Amino acid sequence: MAKIVLESWREGIKGVSFVKLQKEILGIDLKEGKTNFDNLLEDIQIILEIDNENLAKYFLKEADKLGINCKFIK
């Protein structure tokens, strides 16, 4: 199982797109996705556990494009 740590955000973060990304790639419902986004804005780190390592790496790449500072943990 792979883990993604959502550490912080950069100026210009795309919040709605980030919530949608979580739903589309990880199957996280909108409420939880929004909570993750709100926590990130409050400088609370989020750890997402993802069964598929390739999916985790893809999510990491896409989240980075949206302004999320994150890292991959095997």
N, C-alpha and C. Protein backbone atom coordinates (compact mmCIF):
# COMPACT_ATOMS: atom_id res chain seq x y z
N MET A 1 0.85 -1.19 0.00
CA MET A 1 0.00 0.00 0.00
C MET A 1 0.89 1.24 0.00
N ALA A 2 0.56 2.18 -0.84
CA ALA A 2 1.30 3.43 -0.95
C ALA A 2 0.59 4.51 -0.13
N LYS A 3 1.36 5.48 0.30
CA LYS A 3 0.80 6.61 1.02
C LYS A 3 1.24 7.90 0.34
N ILE A 4 0.31 8.82 0.29
CA ILE A 4 0.59 10.16 -0.19
C ILE A 4 0.39 11.10 0.99
N VAL A 5 1.38 11.93 1.26
CA VAL A 5 1.27 12.93 2.32
C VAL A 5 1.04 14.28 1.65
N LEU A 6 -0.11 14.86 1.92
CA LEU A 6 -0.43 16.21 1.44
C LEU A 6 0.08 17.16 2.51
N GLU A 7 1.16 17.87 2.20
CA GLU A 7 1.86 18.65 3.22
C GLU A 7 1.41 20.10 3.32
N SER A 8 1.26 20.75 2.17
CA SER A 8 0.93 22.17 2.17
C SER A 8 0.43 22.55 0.78
N TRP A 9 0.18 23.83 0.60
CA TRP A 9 -0.35 24.30 -0.68
C TRP A 9 0.44 25.52 -1.14
N ARG A 10 0.34 25.78 -2.44
CA ARG A 10 1.01 26.94 -3.03
C ARG A 10 -0.03 27.96 -3.47
N GLU A 11 0.42 29.20 -3.60
CA GLU A 11 -0.47 30.26 -4.08
C GLU A 11 -1.03 29.86 -5.43
N GLY A 12 -2.31 30.11 -5.62
CA GLY A 12 -2.98 29.76 -6.87
C GLY A 12 -3.58 28.36 -6.85
N ILE A 13 -3.64 27.75 -5.67
CA ILE A 13 -4.19 26.40 -5.53
C ILE A 13 -5.58 26.33 -6.17
N LYS A 14 -5.87 25.24 -6.82
CA LYS A 14 -7.15 25.03 -7.49
C LYS A 14 -7.99 24.07 -6.64
N GLY A 15 -8.75 24.65 -5.71
CA GLY A 15 -9.49 23.87 -4.73
C GLY A 15 -10.56 22.96 -5.29
N VAL A 16 -11.41 23.50 -6.15
CA VAL A 16 -12.50 22.70 -6.72
C VAL A 16 -11.92 21.55 -7.53
N SER A 17 -10.90 21.84 -8.30
CA SER A 17 -10.26 20.80 -9.11
C SER A 17 -9.61 19.74 -8.22
N PHE A 18 -9.06 20.15 -7.09
CA PHE A 18 -8.44 19.20 -6.17
C PHE A 18 -9.50 18.27 -5.56
N VAL A 19 -10.63 18.81 -5.17
CA VAL A 19 -11.72 17.99 -4.62
C VAL A 19 -12.19 16.99 -5.69
N LYS A 20 -12.35 17.46 -6.93
CA LYS A 20 -12.76 16.59 -8.03
C LYS A 20 -11.72 15.50 -8.30
N LEU A 21 -10.44 15.87 -8.23
CA LEU A 21 -9.36 14.91 -8.47
C LEU A 21 -9.43 13.76 -7.47
N GLN A 22 -9.66 14.09 -6.20
CA GLN A 22 -9.78 13.05 -5.17
C GLN A 22 -10.94 12.11 -5.48
N LYS A 23 -12.05 12.69 -5.92
CA LYS A 23 -13.23 11.88 -6.23
C LYS A 23 -12.98 10.98 -7.44
N GLU A 24 -12.45 11.57 -8.51
CA GLU A 24 -12.28 10.83 -9.76
C GLU A 24 -11.21 9.75 -9.68
N ILE A 25 -10.10 10.04 -9.04
CA ILE A 25 -8.99 9.08 -9.03
C ILE A 25 -9.06 8.13 -7.84
N LEU A 26 -9.42 8.65 -6.67
CA LEU A 26 -9.36 7.85 -5.45
C LEU A 26 -10.72 7.37 -4.96
N GLY A 27 -11.79 7.90 -5.54
CA GLY A 27 -13.13 7.50 -5.11
C GLY A 27 -13.55 8.12 -3.78
N ILE A 28 -12.89 9.20 -3.39
CA ILE A 28 -13.23 9.89 -2.15
C ILE A 28 -14.47 10.75 -2.41
N ASP A 29 -15.45 10.66 -1.50
CA ASP A 29 -16.67 11.44 -1.72
C ASP A 29 -16.40 12.93 -1.58
N LEU A 30 -17.31 13.73 -2.11
CA LEU A 30 -17.11 15.18 -2.16
C LEU A 30 -16.93 15.79 -0.77
N LYS A 31 -17.69 15.31 0.21
CA LYS A 31 -17.60 15.86 1.56
C LYS A 31 -16.21 15.63 2.15
N GLU A 32 -15.70 14.41 2.02
CA GLU A 32 -14.37 14.11 2.54
C GLU A 32 -13.28 14.86 1.77
N GLY A 33 -13.47 14.96 0.45
CA GLY A 33 -12.53 15.71 -0.37
C GLY A 33 -12.46 17.17 0.03
N LYS A 34 -13.61 17.76 0.31
CA LYS A 34 -13.67 19.16 0.75
C LYS A 34 -13.03 19.31 2.12
N THR A 35 -13.27 18.35 3.01
CA THR A 35 -12.65 18.38 4.33
C THR A 35 -11.13 18.30 4.21
N ASN A 36 -10.64 17.43 3.33
CA ASN A 36 -9.20 17.34 3.10
C ASN A 36 -8.65 18.68 2.62
N PHE A 37 -9.36 19.31 1.70
CA PHE A 37 -8.93 20.60 1.18
C PHE A 37 -8.92 21.66 2.28
N ASP A 38 -9.98 21.72 3.08
CA ASP A 38 -10.05 22.69 4.17
C ASP A 38 -8.92 22.47 5.18
N ASN A 39 -8.65 21.21 5.51
CA ASN A 39 -7.56 20.90 6.44
C ASN A 39 -6.22 21.34 5.88
N LEU A 40 -6.03 21.13 4.60
CA LEU A 40 -4.79 21.54 3.95
C LEU A 40 -4.60 23.05 4.05
N LEU A 41 -5.69 23.80 3.85
CA LEU A 41 -5.62 25.26 3.97
C LEU A 41 -5.28 25.70 5.39
N GLU A 42 -5.63 24.86 6.37
CA GLU A 42 -5.33 25.15 7.78
C GLU A 42 -3.97 24.59 8.20
N ASP A 43 -3.17 24.18 7.22
CA ASP A 43 -1.83 23.62 7.45
C ASP A 43 -1.84 22.32 8.24
N ILE A 44 -2.87 21.53 8.03
CA ILE A 44 -2.95 20.20 8.63
C ILE A 44 -2.57 19.19 7.55
N GLN A 45 -1.54 18.39 7.81
CA GLN A 45 -1.13 17.38 6.84
C GLN A 45 -2.17 16.28 6.74
N ILE A 46 -2.34 15.77 5.53
CA ILE A 46 -3.29 14.69 5.27
C ILE A 46 -2.51 13.52 4.71
N ILE A 47 -2.79 12.33 5.22
CA ILE A 47 -2.17 11.12 4.68
C ILE A 47 -3.26 10.29 4.02
N LEU A 48 -3.06 10.02 2.73
CA LEU A 48 -3.99 9.19 1.97
C LEU A 48 -3.34 7.84 1.70
N GLU A 49 -4.02 6.76 2.04
CA GLU A 49 -3.52 5.42 1.75
C GLU A 49 -4.19 4.93 0.48
N ILE A 50 -3.35 4.50 -0.46
CA ILE A 50 -3.83 4.10 -1.78
C ILE A 50 -3.31 2.71 -2.09
N ASP A 51 -4.20 1.80 -2.46
CA ASP A 51 -3.82 0.41 -2.71
C ASP A 51 -2.89 0.25 -3.90
N ASN A 52 -3.12 1.02 -4.93
CA ASN A 52 -2.37 0.88 -6.18
C ASN A 52 -1.25 1.92 -6.25
N GLU A 53 -0.01 1.45 -6.30
CA GLU A 53 1.14 2.36 -6.30
C GLU A 53 1.17 3.27 -7.53
N ASN A 54 0.83 2.72 -8.69
CA ASN A 54 0.81 3.53 -9.91
C ASN A 54 -0.25 4.62 -9.83
N LEU A 55 -1.39 4.28 -9.27
CA LEU A 55 -2.47 5.26 -9.08
C LEU A 55 -2.02 6.36 -8.12
N ALA A 56 -1.31 5.96 -7.08
CA ALA A 56 -0.80 6.94 -6.11
C ALA A 56 0.17 7.91 -6.77
N LYS A 57 1.06 7.39 -7.60
CA LYS A 57 2.02 8.25 -8.29
C LYS A 57 1.32 9.19 -9.27
N TYR A 58 0.29 8.69 -9.94
CA TYR A 58 -0.48 9.53 -10.86
C TYR A 58 -1.19 10.65 -10.09
N PHE A 59 -1.81 10.29 -8.97
CA PHE A 59 -2.50 11.27 -8.14
C PHE A 59 -1.51 12.34 -7.66
N LEU A 60 -0.32 11.92 -7.24
CA LEU A 60 0.71 12.84 -6.78
C LEU A 60 1.06 13.85 -7.86
N LYS A 61 1.26 13.37 -9.06
CA LYS A 61 1.61 14.24 -10.19
C LYS A 61 0.51 15.25 -10.48
N GLU A 62 -0.73 14.78 -10.50
CA GLU A 62 -1.86 15.66 -10.80
C GLU A 62 -2.11 16.66 -9.67
N ALA A 63 -1.98 16.23 -8.44
CA ALA A 63 -2.17 17.13 -7.30
C ALA A 63 -1.12 18.23 -7.31
N ASP A 64 0.10 17.88 -7.67
CA ASP A 64 1.17 18.88 -7.76
C ASP A 64 0.82 19.95 -8.79
N LYS A 65 0.24 19.55 -9.90
CA LYS A 65 -0.16 20.51 -10.95
C LYS A 65 -1.21 21.50 -10.43
N LEU A 66 -1.99 21.07 -9.44
CA LEU A 66 -3.07 21.91 -8.90
C LEU A 66 -2.61 22.81 -7.75
N GLY A 67 -1.35 22.70 -7.36
CA GLY A 67 -0.83 23.57 -6.31
C GLY A 67 -0.70 22.92 -4.95
N ILE A 68 -0.68 21.59 -4.91
CA ILE A 68 -0.55 20.87 -3.65
C ILE A 68 0.89 20.39 -3.52
N ASN A 69 1.50 20.67 -2.38
CA ASN A 69 2.83 20.14 -2.08
C ASN A 69 2.63 18.79 -1.40
N CYS A 70 3.05 17.74 -2.05
CA CYS A 70 2.82 16.41 -1.52
C CYS A 70 4.01 15.50 -1.83
N LYS A 71 4.05 14.38 -1.10
CA LYS A 71 5.13 13.42 -1.34
C LYS A 71 4.58 12.01 -1.25
N PHE A 72 5.32 11.11 -1.88
CA PHE A 72 4.97 9.70 -1.97
C PHE A 72 5.76 8.92 -0.93
N ILE A 73 5.08 8.06 -0.20
CA ILE A 73 5.73 7.16 0.76
C ILE A 73 5.33 5.74 0.39
N LYS A 74 6.32 4.90 0.20
CA LYS A 74 6.04 3.50 -0.16
C LYS A 74 5.61 2.72 1.05
